[in-house]
Amino acid sequence: MDINYSQLNESFIYRLKKEKIGNSNYNIRCKNNINDNNCFINVCFHSILQFNKLITFILNDENFPIYSNTHPIIIESVKLISSYSRISEIVRKEKKNSIINPLNFRKVLADYFEKKGDFQLHSKGDPIELLDILFNFFHSYIAT
């Protein structure tokens, strides 16, 4: 749908927002108990999920195969993306909230950054920084 933004009126904007909310994955979130500090992971993966072509590419085993020597961050990222994608269909149909546990992803992220002290368990993280790291991992994986 092409939208001429200079001609938007309130009813059209309201309809667009309503359609976006009805079609979104925002009813799915990461488990985030007190002191888990998983908000940044939730933000990061919700951002990634907006790239439909990337998600389709990553979830296609022929395009993005997982091998025994694949980096654990890639493996856990694909698992989270796959979980979000599968659960989003259920959430849309049943209109229920759903929670995904990112603990395995969080552990491999903490292990990878242990020496730097970034992204450690129960510590806050920057979603944009994580997004950059994941895109670099995806790019390197695809390129090789």
Protein backbone atom coordinates (compact mmCIF):
# COMPACT_ATOMS: atom_id res chain seq x y z
CA MET A 1 0.00 0.00 0.00
CA ASP A 2 1.43 3.38 -1.03
CA ILE A 3 0.70 6.16 1.41
CA ASN A 4 0.89 9.85 0.63
CA TYR A 5 1.80 11.13 4.07
CA SER A 6 0.92 14.73 3.24
CA GLN A 7 -2.74 13.76 2.85
CA LEU A 8 -3.24 11.71 6.02
CA ASN A 9 -6.24 12.50 8.15
CA GLU A 10 -6.98 11.34 11.69
CA SER A 11 -9.39 8.54 10.72
CA PHE A 12 -6.89 7.11 8.22
CA ILE A 13 -4.07 7.25 10.80
CA TYR A 14 -6.33 5.56 13.37
CA ARG A 15 -7.17 2.80 10.85
CA LEU A 16 -3.47 2.24 10.08
CA LYS A 17 -2.62 2.02 13.77
CA LYS A 18 -5.49 -0.42 14.35
CA GLU A 19 -4.34 -2.62 11.44
CA LYS A 20 -0.74 -2.55 12.68
CA ILE A 21 -1.79 -3.51 16.20
CA GLY A 22 -3.99 -6.31 14.86
CA ASN A 23 -1.17 -7.68 12.72
CA SER A 24 1.70 -7.22 15.15
CA ASN A 25 3.79 -9.58 17.23
CA TYR A 26 3.65 -7.21 20.19
CA ASN A 27 1.57 -9.60 22.28
CA ILE A 28 4.66 -11.78 22.58
CA ARG A 29 7.39 -10.78 24.99
CA CYS A 30 10.47 -12.15 26.66
CA LYS A 31 10.23 -13.52 30.16
CA ASN A 32 11.53 -10.77 32.40
CA ASN A 33 11.33 -11.53 36.11
CA ILE A 34 12.56 -9.02 38.66
CA ASN A 35 16.31 -8.41 38.07
CA ASP A 36 16.39 -10.47 34.85
CA ASN A 37 16.82 -7.25 32.84
CA ASN A 38 15.69 -8.88 29.59
CA CYS A 39 13.91 -5.79 28.25
CA PHE A 40 16.70 -5.02 25.79
CA ILE A 41 16.40 -8.51 24.28
CA ASN A 42 12.68 -8.06 23.82
CA VAL A 43 13.21 -4.70 22.09
CA CYS A 44 15.96 -6.12 19.89
CA PHE A 45 14.02 -9.13 18.68
CA HIS A 46 10.83 -7.13 18.10
CA SER A 47 12.94 -4.84 15.93
CA ILE A 48 14.43 -7.75 13.99
CA LEU A 49 10.96 -9.19 13.41
CA GLN A 50 10.03 -6.08 11.42
CA PHE A 51 12.43 -7.20 8.67
CA ASN A 52 10.09 -9.73 7.04
CA LYS A 53 12.45 -10.71 4.22
CA LEU A 54 15.32 -11.26 6.65
CA ILE A 55 13.14 -13.43 8.89
CA THR A 56 11.95 -15.49 5.93
CA PHE A 57 15.56 -15.89 4.81
CA ILE A 58 16.83 -16.89 8.27
CA LEU A 59 14.04 -19.40 8.85
CA ASN A 60 14.68 -21.12 5.51
CA ASP A 61 17.11 -24.00 6.15
CA GLU A 62 18.38 -23.88 2.56
CA ASN A 63 19.31 -20.19 2.83
CA PHE A 64 20.49 -20.24 6.41
CA PRO A 65 21.57 -23.77 7.38
CA ILE A 66 22.66 -24.51 10.93
CA TYR A 67 25.77 -26.70 11.22
CA SER A 68 27.42 -28.38 14.18
CA ASN A 69 30.07 -25.63 14.29
CA THR A 70 27.59 -22.73 13.99
CA HIS A 71 28.20 -20.10 16.65
CA PRO A 72 25.84 -20.49 19.64
CA ILE A 73 24.68 -16.86 19.31
CA ILE A 74 23.44 -17.64 15.79
CA ILE A 75 21.77 -20.86 16.94
CA GLU A 76 19.99 -19.23 19.88
CA SER A 77 19.01 -16.19 17.79
CA VAL A 78 17.41 -18.44 15.19
CA LYS A 79 15.60 -20.34 17.95
CA LEU A 80 14.20 -17.10 19.39
CA ILE A 81 13.18 -15.80 15.96
CA SER A 82 11.56 -19.14 15.16
CA SER A 83 9.73 -19.15 18.50
CA TYR A 84 8.43 -15.63 17.93
CA SER A 85 7.29 -16.57 14.41
CA ARG A 86 5.53 -19.78 15.45
CA ILE A 87 3.90 -18.27 18.50
CA SER A 88 2.75 -15.14 16.64
CA GLU A 89 0.35 -17.26 14.59
CA ILE A 90 -1.18 -18.69 17.77
CA VAL A 91 -1.32 -15.26 19.40
CA ARG A 92 -3.16 -13.78 16.40
CA LYS A 93 -5.72 -16.57 16.32
CA GLU A 94 -6.33 -16.83 20.05
CA LYS A 95 -5.63 -13.17 20.86
CA LYS A 96 -3.68 -14.14 23.94
CA ASN A 97 -0.39 -12.88 25.29
CA SER A 98 2.58 -15.19 25.20
CA ILE A 99 5.96 -15.21 26.91
CA ILE A 100 9.22 -16.62 25.51
CA ASN A 101 12.08 -17.50 27.81
CA PRO A 102 15.34 -16.04 26.44
CA LEU A 103 17.57 -17.70 29.07
CA ASN A 104 19.59 -19.87 26.65
CA PHE A 105 20.18 -16.88 24.38
CA ARG A 106 21.11 -14.77 27.39
CA LYS A 107 23.62 -17.40 28.59
CA VAL A 108 25.46 -17.68 25.26
CA LEU A 109 25.50 -13.90 24.96
CA ALA A 110 26.96 -13.60 28.48
CA ASP A 111 29.55 -16.29 27.71
CA TYR A 112 30.63 -14.56 24.51
CA PHE A 113 31.04 -11.18 26.24
CA GLU A 114 32.36 -12.46 29.56
CA LYS A 115 35.83 -10.90 29.19
CA LYS A 116 34.39 -7.51 28.24
CA GLY A 117 31.75 -7.71 30.97
CA ASP A 118 28.93 -6.75 28.57
CA PHE A 119 25.53 -8.44 28.38
CA GLN A 120 26.03 -10.45 31.56
CA LEU A 121 23.13 -12.25 33.22
CA HIS A 122 20.92 -10.00 35.34
CA SER A 123 22.51 -6.85 33.94
CA LYS A 124 21.01 -4.26 31.63
CA GLY A 125 21.98 -4.07 28.00
CA ASP A 126 21.58 -1.70 25.09
CA PRO A 127 19.12 -3.01 22.46
CA ILE A 128 20.73 -1.01 19.63
CA GLU A 129 24.16 -2.36 20.52
CA LEU A 130 22.76 -5.91 20.58
CA LEU A 131 20.97 -5.33 17.29
CA ASP A 132 24.25 -4.21 15.71
CA ILE A 133 26.03 -7.28 17.10
CA LEU A 134 23.35 -9.66 15.82
CA PHE A 135 23.29 -8.08 12.36
CA ASN A 136 27.08 -8.43 12.22
CA PHE A 137 26.79 -12.10 13.25
CA PHE A 138 24.10 -12.71 10.61
CA HIS A 139 26.10 -10.91 7.93
CA SER A 140 29.30 -12.82 8.71
CA TYR A 141 27.41 -16.12 8.79
CA ILE A 142 25.71 -15.47 5.46
CA ALA A 143 28.91 -14.20 3.85
CA THR A 144 30.87 -17.30 4.82
